[in-house]
N, C-alpha and C. Protein backbone atom coordinates (compact mmCIF):
# COMPACT_ATOMS: atom_id res chain seq x y z
N MET A 1 144.64 252.97 32.35
CA MET A 1 145.67 252.07 32.88
C MET A 1 145.04 250.97 33.73
N LYS A 2 144.05 251.39 34.57
CA LYS A 2 143.39 250.43 35.44
C LYS A 2 142.66 249.38 34.63
N ALA A 3 142.00 249.81 33.55
CA ALA A 3 141.28 248.88 32.69
C ALA A 3 142.25 247.90 32.03
N SER A 4 143.40 248.43 31.60
CA SER A 4 144.41 247.59 30.96
C SER A 4 144.93 246.55 31.94
N HIS A 5 145.17 246.98 33.18
CA HIS A 5 145.67 246.06 34.20
C HIS A 5 144.63 244.96 34.49
N THR A 6 143.37 245.36 34.54
CA THR A 6 142.30 244.40 34.80
C THR A 6 142.22 243.37 33.67
N LEU A 7 142.34 243.85 32.42
CA LEU A 7 142.30 242.96 31.27
C LEU A 7 143.46 241.98 31.29
N CYS A 8 144.64 242.49 31.62
CA CYS A 8 145.84 241.64 31.68
C CYS A 8 145.68 240.56 32.74
N THR A 9 145.16 240.95 33.89
CA THR A 9 144.94 239.99 34.97
C THR A 9 143.96 238.91 34.55
N ALA A 10 142.91 239.33 33.85
CA ALA A 10 141.89 238.38 33.39
C ALA A 10 142.48 237.41 32.38
N LEU A 11 143.33 237.92 31.48
CA LEU A 11 143.95 237.05 30.48
C LEU A 11 144.88 236.04 31.12
N LEU A 12 145.67 236.48 32.09
CA LEU A 12 146.58 235.57 32.79
C LEU A 12 145.81 234.49 33.53
N ALA A 13 144.71 234.89 34.14
CA ALA A 13 143.88 233.92 34.86
C ALA A 13 143.30 232.90 33.89
N ALA A 14 142.86 233.38 32.73
CA ALA A 14 142.30 232.47 31.73
C ALA A 14 143.33 231.50 31.22
N LEU A 15 144.55 231.99 31.01
CA LEU A 15 145.62 231.11 30.54
C LEU A 15 145.97 230.07 31.59
N ALA A 16 146.01 230.48 32.84
CA ALA A 16 146.31 229.54 33.92
C ALA A 16 145.26 228.46 34.00
N TYR A 17 144.00 228.86 33.82
CA TYR A 17 142.89 227.90 33.87
C TYR A 17 142.97 226.93 32.70
N ALA A 18 143.40 227.44 31.53
CA ALA A 18 143.43 226.61 30.33
C ALA A 18 144.67 225.75 30.22
N ALA A 19 145.70 226.03 31.02
CA ALA A 19 146.98 225.34 30.90
C ALA A 19 146.87 223.82 30.86
N PRO A 20 146.11 223.19 31.77
CA PRO A 20 146.02 221.75 31.72
C PRO A 20 145.46 221.23 30.40
N LEU A 21 144.57 221.98 29.77
CA LEU A 21 143.98 221.54 28.52
C LEU A 21 144.98 221.66 27.37
N LEU A 22 145.96 222.53 27.52
CA LEU A 22 146.93 222.75 26.47
C LEU A 22 148.21 221.96 26.68
N ALA A 23 148.26 221.15 27.74
CA ALA A 23 149.47 220.40 28.04
C ALA A 23 149.84 219.49 26.88
N ALA A 24 151.15 219.47 26.53
CA ALA A 24 151.61 218.65 25.42
C ALA A 24 151.58 217.18 25.82
N PRO A 25 151.27 216.31 24.86
CA PRO A 25 151.29 214.87 25.16
C PRO A 25 152.71 214.39 25.39
N ALA A 26 152.84 213.16 25.83
CA ALA A 26 154.15 212.58 26.10
C ALA A 26 155.05 212.68 24.87
N SER A 27 156.32 212.96 25.11
CA SER A 27 157.27 213.15 24.01
C SER A 27 158.42 212.15 24.13
N VAL A 28 158.72 211.46 23.03
CA VAL A 28 159.82 210.51 23.02
C VAL A 28 161.13 211.23 23.33
N GLY A 29 161.91 210.66 24.22
CA GLY A 29 163.17 211.24 24.64
C GLY A 29 163.05 212.06 25.91
N ALA A 30 161.82 212.31 26.35
CA ALA A 30 161.55 213.07 27.57
C ALA A 30 161.04 212.12 28.65
N PRO A 31 161.03 212.58 29.91
CA PRO A 31 160.48 211.73 30.97
C PRO A 31 159.03 211.36 30.69
N ALA A 32 158.69 210.10 30.87
CA ALA A 32 157.32 209.65 30.66
C ALA A 32 156.43 210.22 31.77
N PRO A 33 155.23 210.64 31.44
CA PRO A 33 154.33 211.20 32.46
C PRO A 33 154.03 210.19 33.57
N GLU A 34 154.11 210.65 34.79
CA GLU A 34 153.73 209.81 35.93
C GLU A 34 152.21 209.62 35.90
N PHE A 35 151.74 208.50 36.39
CA PHE A 35 150.31 208.26 36.45
C PHE A 35 149.98 207.30 37.58
N SER A 36 148.72 207.27 37.93
CA SER A 36 148.21 206.32 38.92
C SER A 36 146.86 205.84 38.44
N ALA A 37 146.66 204.53 38.43
CA ALA A 37 145.39 203.96 37.97
C ALA A 37 145.17 202.62 38.65
N SER A 38 143.92 202.22 38.74
CA SER A 38 143.59 200.93 39.35
C SER A 38 143.56 199.84 38.29
N ASP A 39 143.98 198.64 38.71
CA ASP A 39 143.91 197.52 37.78
C ASP A 39 142.55 196.83 37.90
N SER A 40 142.37 195.75 37.18
CA SER A 40 141.09 195.06 37.12
C SER A 40 140.66 194.48 38.46
N LYS A 41 141.60 194.33 39.37
CA LYS A 41 141.29 193.78 40.69
C LYS A 41 141.17 194.86 41.76
N GLY A 42 141.27 196.13 41.33
CA GLY A 42 141.10 197.24 42.25
C GLY A 42 142.36 197.72 42.93
N HIS A 43 143.52 197.18 42.51
CA HIS A 43 144.79 197.60 43.11
C HIS A 43 145.36 198.80 42.35
N LYS A 44 145.82 199.79 43.10
CA LYS A 44 146.40 200.99 42.49
C LYS A 44 147.83 200.72 42.03
N HIS A 45 148.17 201.28 40.88
CA HIS A 45 149.53 201.19 40.36
C HIS A 45 149.94 202.55 39.83
N SER A 46 151.23 202.85 39.97
CA SER A 46 151.78 204.08 39.42
C SER A 46 153.03 203.73 38.62
N LEU A 47 153.37 204.60 37.69
CA LEU A 47 154.57 204.35 36.89
C LEU A 47 155.81 204.29 37.77
N SER A 48 155.87 205.14 38.78
CA SER A 48 157.07 205.22 39.62
C SER A 48 157.38 203.92 40.37
N GLU A 49 156.37 203.09 40.60
CA GLU A 49 156.63 201.84 41.32
C GLU A 49 157.44 200.85 40.48
N PHE A 50 157.52 201.12 39.18
CA PHE A 50 158.26 200.22 38.28
C PHE A 50 159.61 200.81 37.89
N LYS A 51 160.08 201.77 38.67
CA LYS A 51 161.36 202.40 38.39
C LYS A 51 162.47 201.35 38.29
N GLY A 52 163.31 201.49 37.28
CA GLY A 52 164.38 200.53 37.08
C GLY A 52 164.03 199.43 36.09
N LYS A 53 162.75 199.36 35.70
CA LYS A 53 162.31 198.34 34.75
C LYS A 53 161.77 198.99 33.47
N THR A 54 161.94 198.27 32.39
CA THR A 54 161.33 198.72 31.14
C THR A 54 159.83 198.48 31.23
N VAL A 55 159.05 199.44 30.76
CA VAL A 55 157.59 199.35 30.84
C VAL A 55 156.99 199.53 29.44
N VAL A 56 156.06 198.66 29.11
CA VAL A 56 155.28 198.80 27.87
C VAL A 56 153.86 199.21 28.24
N LEU A 57 153.32 200.19 27.55
CA LEU A 57 151.92 200.57 27.68
C LEU A 57 151.21 200.19 26.39
N GLU A 58 150.13 199.44 26.51
CA GLU A 58 149.35 198.99 25.36
C GLU A 58 147.89 199.43 25.53
N TRP A 59 147.43 200.31 24.64
CA TRP A 59 146.02 200.73 24.74
C TRP A 59 145.12 199.68 24.08
N ASN A 60 144.05 199.33 24.79
CA ASN A 60 143.23 198.19 24.40
C ASN A 60 141.74 198.54 24.31
N ASN A 61 141.08 197.97 23.31
CA ASN A 61 139.63 198.01 23.17
C ASN A 61 139.25 196.65 22.60
N PRO A 62 138.68 195.75 23.40
CA PRO A 62 138.40 194.39 22.94
C PRO A 62 137.50 194.31 21.71
N GLU A 63 136.72 195.36 21.45
CA GLU A 63 135.78 195.33 20.34
C GLU A 63 136.36 195.89 19.05
N CYS A 64 137.57 196.40 19.11
CA CYS A 64 138.21 197.01 17.94
C CYS A 64 138.79 195.92 17.03
N PRO A 65 138.49 195.94 15.73
CA PRO A 65 139.02 194.91 14.83
C PRO A 65 140.54 194.90 14.71
N PHE A 66 141.17 196.04 14.92
CA PHE A 66 142.63 196.08 14.88
C PHE A 66 143.22 195.38 16.11
N VAL A 67 142.57 195.54 17.24
CA VAL A 67 142.98 194.82 18.45
C VAL A 67 142.73 193.32 18.26
N ARG A 68 141.58 192.99 17.69
CA ARG A 68 141.25 191.58 17.46
C ARG A 68 142.26 190.92 16.52
N LYS A 69 142.80 191.69 15.59
CA LYS A 69 143.83 191.16 14.69
C LYS A 69 145.00 190.59 15.49
N HIS A 70 145.47 191.37 16.45
CA HIS A 70 146.67 190.97 17.19
C HIS A 70 146.38 189.97 18.30
N TYR A 71 145.17 190.00 18.86
CA TYR A 71 144.81 189.01 19.87
C TYR A 71 144.31 187.72 19.22
N GLY A 72 143.57 187.85 18.12
CA GLY A 72 143.06 186.67 17.45
C GLY A 72 144.16 185.80 16.86
N SER A 73 145.26 186.44 16.48
CA SER A 73 146.41 185.71 15.93
C SER A 73 147.35 185.19 17.01
N GLY A 74 147.20 185.74 18.21
CA GLY A 74 148.12 185.38 19.30
C GLY A 74 149.37 186.24 19.33
N ASN A 75 149.47 187.20 18.39
CA ASN A 75 150.67 188.04 18.34
C ASN A 75 150.85 188.87 19.60
N MET A 76 149.76 189.48 20.08
CA MET A 76 149.87 190.32 21.27
C MET A 76 150.23 189.49 22.50
N GLN A 77 149.57 188.35 22.65
CA GLN A 77 149.84 187.50 23.82
C GLN A 77 151.28 186.99 23.82
N LYS A 78 151.80 186.64 22.63
CA LYS A 78 153.18 186.15 22.54
C LYS A 78 154.16 187.25 22.91
N GLN A 79 153.91 188.48 22.44
CA GLN A 79 154.80 189.58 22.79
C GLN A 79 154.73 189.89 24.28
N GLN A 80 153.52 189.85 24.84
CA GLN A 80 153.37 190.07 26.28
C GLN A 80 154.15 189.03 27.08
N ALA A 81 153.99 187.76 26.71
CA ALA A 81 154.64 186.68 27.44
C ALA A 81 156.16 186.76 27.34
N ASP A 82 156.66 187.03 26.14
CA ASP A 82 158.11 187.13 25.95
C ASP A 82 158.68 188.31 26.73
N ALA A 83 157.96 189.43 26.70
CA ALA A 83 158.45 190.63 27.38
C ALA A 83 158.46 190.44 28.90
N THR A 84 157.37 189.95 29.45
CA THR A 84 157.31 189.79 30.91
C THR A 84 158.28 188.73 31.39
N ALA A 85 158.54 187.70 30.57
CA ALA A 85 159.52 186.67 30.94
C ALA A 85 160.92 187.27 31.02
N ALA A 86 161.14 188.35 30.25
CA ALA A 86 162.44 189.02 30.25
C ALA A 86 162.52 190.12 31.31
N GLY A 87 161.48 190.25 32.14
CA GLY A 87 161.50 191.24 33.21
C GLY A 87 160.86 192.56 32.87
N VAL A 88 160.26 192.65 31.69
CA VAL A 88 159.57 193.88 31.29
C VAL A 88 158.19 193.92 31.96
N VAL A 89 157.77 195.12 32.36
CA VAL A 89 156.42 195.31 32.90
C VAL A 89 155.51 195.70 31.74
N TRP A 90 154.45 194.92 31.54
CA TRP A 90 153.53 195.18 30.43
C TRP A 90 152.18 195.60 31.01
N LEU A 91 151.79 196.84 30.75
CA LEU A 91 150.54 197.37 31.27
C LEU A 91 149.55 197.58 30.13
N THR A 92 148.49 196.79 30.11
CA THR A 92 147.42 196.98 29.15
C THR A 92 146.47 198.02 29.74
N VAL A 93 146.12 199.03 28.96
CA VAL A 93 145.33 200.15 29.46
C VAL A 93 144.03 200.27 28.65
N ASN A 94 142.91 200.38 29.34
CA ASN A 94 141.62 200.60 28.68
C ASN A 94 141.10 201.97 29.09
N SER A 95 141.07 202.89 28.13
CA SER A 95 140.59 204.26 28.40
C SER A 95 139.19 204.48 27.86
N GLY A 96 138.49 203.41 27.53
CA GLY A 96 137.13 203.55 27.04
C GLY A 96 136.20 204.03 28.13
N ALA A 97 135.43 205.06 27.85
CA ALA A 97 134.50 205.63 28.83
C ALA A 97 133.28 204.72 29.00
N LYS A 98 132.69 204.79 30.17
CA LYS A 98 131.49 203.98 30.44
C LYS A 98 130.40 204.32 29.43
N GLY A 99 129.80 203.29 28.86
CA GLY A 99 128.75 203.48 27.88
C GLY A 99 129.26 203.55 26.45
N LYS A 100 130.58 203.53 26.27
CA LYS A 100 131.16 203.59 24.93
C LYS A 100 131.82 202.27 24.57
N GLN A 101 132.08 202.09 23.28
CA GLN A 101 132.65 200.84 22.79
C GLN A 101 133.94 200.49 23.52
N GLY A 102 134.03 199.25 23.97
CA GLY A 102 135.25 198.76 24.58
C GLY A 102 135.34 198.94 26.08
N TYR A 103 134.42 199.72 26.66
CA TYR A 103 134.47 199.92 28.12
C TYR A 103 134.33 198.58 28.84
N MET A 104 135.12 198.41 29.89
CA MET A 104 135.00 197.22 30.73
C MET A 104 135.24 197.57 32.19
N ASP A 105 134.53 196.88 33.06
CA ASP A 105 134.83 196.98 34.48
C ASP A 105 135.84 195.90 34.82
N GLY A 106 136.19 195.79 36.09
CA GLY A 106 137.21 194.83 36.48
C GLY A 106 136.85 193.40 36.16
N THR A 107 135.60 193.03 36.41
CA THR A 107 135.17 191.66 36.14
C THR A 107 135.26 191.35 34.65
N GLY A 108 134.84 192.30 33.83
CA GLY A 108 134.91 192.12 32.39
C GLY A 108 136.34 192.02 31.89
N ALA A 109 137.22 192.84 32.46
CA ALA A 109 138.62 192.82 32.06
C ALA A 109 139.28 191.49 32.41
N ASP A 110 139.00 190.98 33.62
CA ASP A 110 139.56 189.69 34.02
C ASP A 110 139.07 188.57 33.11
N ALA A 111 137.78 188.63 32.75
CA ALA A 111 137.22 187.61 31.86
C ALA A 111 137.88 187.68 30.48
N TYR A 112 138.13 188.90 30.01
CA TYR A 112 138.77 189.09 28.70
C TYR A 112 140.19 188.54 28.71
N VAL A 113 140.93 188.84 29.76
CA VAL A 113 142.31 188.35 29.87
C VAL A 113 142.33 186.82 29.87
N LYS A 114 141.40 186.22 30.61
CA LYS A 114 141.34 184.77 30.68
C LYS A 114 140.93 184.18 29.34
N GLU A 115 139.93 184.75 28.71
CA GLU A 115 139.41 184.23 27.44
C GLU A 115 140.46 184.29 26.33
N THR A 116 141.22 185.37 26.28
CA THR A 116 142.20 185.54 25.20
C THR A 116 143.56 184.94 25.53
N GLY A 117 143.76 184.56 26.79
CA GLY A 117 145.07 184.06 27.18
C GLY A 117 146.12 185.16 27.21
N ALA A 118 145.66 186.39 27.47
CA ALA A 118 146.58 187.53 27.51
C ALA A 118 147.54 187.40 28.68
N LYS A 119 148.72 188.01 28.54
CA LYS A 119 149.77 187.88 29.55
C LYS A 119 150.34 189.22 30.03
N PRO A 120 149.49 190.25 30.20
CA PRO A 120 150.04 191.51 30.70
C PRO A 120 150.42 191.37 32.18
N THR A 121 151.23 192.29 32.65
CA THR A 121 151.52 192.32 34.09
C THR A 121 150.23 192.63 34.84
N VAL A 122 149.52 193.67 34.40
CA VAL A 122 148.19 193.99 34.92
C VAL A 122 147.39 194.66 33.81
N TYR A 123 146.08 194.67 33.99
CA TYR A 123 145.17 195.35 33.08
C TYR A 123 144.63 196.57 33.81
N LEU A 124 144.97 197.78 33.33
CA LEU A 124 144.59 199.02 33.99
C LEU A 124 143.29 199.59 33.42
N LEU A 125 142.45 200.09 34.32
CA LEU A 125 141.18 200.70 33.94
C LEU A 125 141.31 202.22 34.05
N ASP A 126 141.04 202.90 32.94
CA ASP A 126 141.24 204.35 32.84
C ASP A 126 140.02 204.99 32.21
N ALA A 127 138.83 204.69 32.76
CA ALA A 127 137.58 205.14 32.15
C ALA A 127 137.46 206.66 32.08
N ASP A 128 138.13 207.38 32.96
CA ASP A 128 138.06 208.85 32.89
C ASP A 128 139.08 209.43 31.91
N GLY A 129 139.92 208.57 31.35
CA GLY A 129 140.85 209.00 30.31
C GLY A 129 142.08 209.73 30.78
N THR A 130 142.32 209.78 32.08
CA THR A 130 143.45 210.56 32.60
C THR A 130 144.79 210.07 32.06
N VAL A 131 145.00 208.76 32.10
CA VAL A 131 146.29 208.21 31.64
C VAL A 131 146.40 208.35 30.12
N GLY A 132 145.33 208.02 29.43
CA GLY A 132 145.36 208.10 27.98
C GLY A 132 145.66 209.49 27.46
N LYS A 133 145.05 210.48 28.07
CA LYS A 133 145.25 211.86 27.62
C LYS A 133 146.64 212.36 28.00
N ALA A 134 147.18 211.89 29.11
CA ALA A 134 148.54 212.29 29.50
C ALA A 134 149.56 211.82 28.47
N TYR A 135 149.29 210.68 27.85
CA TYR A 135 150.21 210.13 26.86
C TYR A 135 149.82 210.48 25.42
N GLY A 136 148.65 211.06 25.25
CA GLY A 136 148.20 211.36 23.91
C GLY A 136 147.80 210.12 23.13
N ALA A 137 147.35 209.09 23.84
CA ALA A 137 146.94 207.85 23.18
C ALA A 137 145.73 208.11 22.29
N ARG A 138 145.84 207.72 21.02
CA ARG A 138 144.79 208.03 20.05
C ARG A 138 144.10 206.79 19.50
N THR A 139 144.79 205.67 19.50
CA THR A 139 144.24 204.48 18.85
C THR A 139 144.35 203.25 19.74
N THR A 140 143.60 202.23 19.36
CA THR A 140 143.76 200.91 19.98
C THR A 140 144.10 199.92 18.88
N PRO A 141 145.34 199.32 18.97
CA PRO A 141 146.33 199.61 20.01
C PRO A 141 147.18 200.85 19.69
N HIS A 142 147.63 201.54 20.74
CA HIS A 142 148.65 202.58 20.65
C HIS A 142 149.68 202.14 21.67
N MET A 143 150.93 202.05 21.24
CA MET A 143 151.97 201.44 22.07
C MET A 143 153.04 202.44 22.49
N TYR A 144 153.52 202.27 23.72
CA TYR A 144 154.59 203.11 24.26
C TYR A 144 155.58 202.21 25.00
N VAL A 145 156.86 202.57 24.91
CA VAL A 145 157.90 201.85 25.66
C VAL A 145 158.69 202.87 26.47
N ILE A 146 158.82 202.59 27.76
CA ILE A 146 159.52 203.46 28.70
C ILE A 146 160.70 202.69 29.27
N ASP A 147 161.89 203.30 29.28
CA ASP A 147 163.05 202.57 29.79
C ASP A 147 163.14 202.63 31.31
N GLY A 148 164.14 201.96 31.86
CA GLY A 148 164.27 201.86 33.31
C GLY A 148 164.55 203.17 34.02
N GLN A 149 164.97 204.17 33.27
CA GLN A 149 165.21 205.51 33.85
C GLN A 149 163.96 206.39 33.76
N GLY A 150 162.88 205.84 33.23
CA GLY A 150 161.65 206.60 33.14
C GLY A 150 161.53 207.47 31.91
N THR A 151 162.38 207.22 30.92
CA THR A 151 162.35 208.00 29.68
C THR A 151 161.51 207.29 28.63
N LEU A 152 160.64 208.02 27.98
CA LEU A 152 159.84 207.44 26.90
C LEU A 152 160.74 207.21 25.69
N ARG A 153 160.83 205.95 25.26
CA ARG A 153 161.74 205.61 24.17
C ARG A 153 161.05 205.25 22.88
N TYR A 154 159.75 204.96 22.95
CA TYR A 154 159.01 204.63 21.73
C TYR A 154 157.55 205.00 21.89
N ALA A 155 156.95 205.48 20.80
CA ALA A 155 155.51 205.75 20.76
C ALA A 155 155.02 205.51 19.34
N GLY A 156 153.96 204.71 19.19
CA GLY A 156 153.42 204.48 17.85
C GLY A 156 152.66 203.18 17.74
N GLY A 157 152.69 202.60 16.55
CA GLY A 157 151.98 201.36 16.30
C GLY A 157 152.73 200.15 16.81
N ILE A 158 152.03 199.04 16.94
CA ILE A 158 152.70 197.82 17.36
C ILE A 158 153.59 197.28 16.25
N ASP A 159 153.17 197.52 14.99
CA ASP A 159 153.98 197.06 13.87
C ASP A 159 153.83 198.00 12.68
N SER A 160 154.38 197.57 11.54
CA SER A 160 154.50 198.47 10.40
C SER A 160 153.39 198.35 9.36
N VAL A 161 152.48 197.38 9.52
CA VAL A 161 151.44 197.18 8.51
C VAL A 161 150.08 197.54 9.10
N GLN A 162 149.50 198.61 8.58
CA GLN A 162 148.26 199.14 9.13
C GLN A 162 147.05 198.45 8.49
N SER A 163 146.68 197.33 9.06
CA SER A 163 145.54 196.59 8.52
C SER A 163 144.88 195.79 9.63
N THR A 164 143.75 195.16 9.30
CA THR A 164 143.08 194.26 10.25
C THR A 164 143.29 192.81 9.86
N ASP A 165 144.13 192.57 8.88
CA ASP A 165 144.37 191.22 8.34
C ASP A 165 145.49 190.53 9.12
N GLN A 166 145.17 189.42 9.76
CA GLN A 166 146.16 188.67 10.52
C GLN A 166 147.33 188.19 9.66
N ASP A 167 147.06 187.95 8.38
CA ASP A 167 148.12 187.46 7.49
C ASP A 167 149.23 188.49 7.30
N ASP A 168 148.95 189.76 7.60
CA ASP A 168 149.97 190.80 7.42
C ASP A 168 150.99 190.83 8.55
N ILE A 169 150.70 190.14 9.64
CA ILE A 169 151.59 190.21 10.80
C ILE A 169 152.96 189.61 10.50
N LYS A 170 152.97 188.50 9.80
CA LYS A 170 154.23 187.79 9.53
C LYS A 170 155.24 188.67 8.81
N GLY A 171 154.79 189.48 7.85
CA GLY A 171 155.72 190.29 7.07
C GLY A 171 155.96 191.68 7.63
N ALA A 172 155.33 192.00 8.76
CA ALA A 172 155.46 193.34 9.33
C ALA A 172 156.66 193.45 10.27
N THR A 173 157.21 194.65 10.35
CA THR A 173 158.24 194.93 11.36
C THR A 173 157.52 195.12 12.68
N GLN A 174 157.85 194.30 13.66
CA GLN A 174 157.22 194.38 14.98
C GLN A 174 157.99 195.42 15.81
N TYR A 175 157.51 196.66 15.75
CA TYR A 175 158.26 197.76 16.34
C TYR A 175 158.49 197.60 17.85
N VAL A 176 157.47 197.19 18.58
CA VAL A 176 157.63 197.08 20.04
C VAL A 176 158.66 196.01 20.38
N ARG A 177 158.54 194.86 19.75
CA ARG A 177 159.53 193.79 19.99
C ARG A 177 160.93 194.27 19.63
N GLN A 178 161.05 194.99 18.53
CA GLN A 178 162.34 195.50 18.09
C GLN A 178 162.94 196.47 19.10
N VAL A 179 162.11 197.38 19.62
CA VAL A 179 162.60 198.35 20.62
C VAL A 179 163.06 197.63 21.89
N LEU A 180 162.28 196.66 22.34
CA LEU A 180 162.65 195.94 23.56
C LEU A 180 163.96 195.19 23.38
N THR A 181 164.16 194.61 22.22
CA THR A 181 165.42 193.89 21.94
C THR A 181 166.59 194.86 21.94
N GLU A 182 166.41 196.02 21.31
CA GLU A 182 167.49 197.00 21.26
C GLU A 182 167.82 197.54 22.64
N LEU A 183 166.81 197.84 23.44
CA LEU A 183 167.06 198.35 24.79
C LEU A 183 167.79 197.31 25.64
N SER A 184 167.38 196.06 25.55
CA SER A 184 168.01 195.02 26.37
C SER A 184 169.45 194.77 25.95
N SER A 185 169.76 195.10 24.69
CA SER A 185 171.12 194.90 24.18
C SER A 185 171.99 196.14 24.32
N GLY A 186 171.41 197.22 24.85
CA GLY A 186 172.15 198.46 25.01
C GLY A 186 172.38 199.20 23.71
N LYS A 187 171.57 198.89 22.69
CA LYS A 187 171.71 199.54 21.40
C LYS A 187 170.77 200.75 21.30
N PRO A 188 171.07 201.69 20.41
CA PRO A 188 170.15 202.82 20.20
C PRO A 188 168.84 202.30 19.61
N VAL A 189 167.75 202.97 19.92
CA VAL A 189 166.46 202.59 19.35
C VAL A 189 166.43 203.08 17.90
N SER A 190 166.28 202.15 16.98
CA SER A 190 166.36 202.49 15.56
C SER A 190 165.09 203.17 15.04
N VAL A 191 163.93 202.80 15.59
CA VAL A 191 162.67 203.44 15.21
C VAL A 191 161.99 203.88 16.51
N ALA A 192 162.05 205.16 16.80
CA ALA A 192 161.51 205.67 18.07
C ALA A 192 160.06 206.10 17.97
N THR A 193 159.60 206.39 16.77
CA THR A 193 158.20 206.78 16.57
C THR A 193 157.68 206.15 15.29
N SER A 194 156.40 205.88 15.28
CA SER A 194 155.74 205.42 14.06
C SER A 194 154.29 205.87 14.11
N GLN A 195 153.59 205.72 13.02
CA GLN A 195 152.19 206.13 12.97
C GLN A 195 151.33 205.09 13.69
N PRO A 196 150.65 205.47 14.78
CA PRO A 196 149.76 204.52 15.43
C PRO A 196 148.55 204.27 14.54
N TYR A 197 148.02 203.06 14.59
CA TYR A 197 146.83 202.78 13.80
C TYR A 197 145.86 201.94 14.62
N GLY A 198 144.59 202.00 14.23
CA GLY A 198 143.56 201.25 14.93
C GLY A 198 142.31 202.08 15.10
N CYS A 199 141.46 201.67 16.03
CA CYS A 199 140.24 202.41 16.33
C CYS A 199 140.57 203.59 17.24
N SER A 200 139.81 204.64 17.15
CA SER A 200 140.04 205.78 18.04
C SER A 200 139.73 205.38 19.48
N VAL A 201 140.51 205.93 20.42
CA VAL A 201 140.24 205.69 21.83
C VAL A 201 138.91 206.36 22.17
N LYS A 202 138.03 205.63 22.82
CA LYS A 202 136.67 206.14 23.08
C LYS A 202 136.62 206.88 24.42
N TYR A 203 137.20 208.08 24.43
CA TYR A 203 137.21 208.92 25.62
C TYR A 203 135.79 209.42 25.92
N SER A 204 135.61 209.85 27.17
CA SER A 204 134.31 210.38 27.57
C SER A 204 134.00 211.67 26.83
N LYS A 205 135.02 212.49 26.55
CA LYS A 205 134.85 213.73 25.79
C LYS A 205 136.19 214.23 25.33
């Protein structure tokens, strides 16, 4: 009996230790995971500070050809500008680990934003991958939309055509733009999930 009790205790301890590793990623229709991260200028931001506003999360890797498709065409910048002009908070997130493709420090991120004419609210640095893993971000870009009540309303690709060809943008359904329009109009979200596409997020491990 004593041996059995010891084994049970050990198993429970192991499960408790492993729990964070087994945590489910963000789920559409559920509260979006809270997070805190520094932007390119060293200022801390958390999701809770934007309560009452719609928030877009955009995972970014400047060296990824899928990201270059949307920035090279101006599609991403136009969506950022239109969204922020409408009062939406747009957070570009870089979860690339130091030494891996796409990693940037604050100076590099600011230079990238200036060079591309990007219009996010802020550019967040997540080199340890905490924010990315909380949301289950897998690709660049991987897009999420959170409503003013803090509920995750969309997760997936920026649009419906999985390619690196800029010419495909015109004929694609722009899912993020569509979700933002529906939310602002008080309509149900017609497409709440889609297959994210792009380069894999370059986490540290």
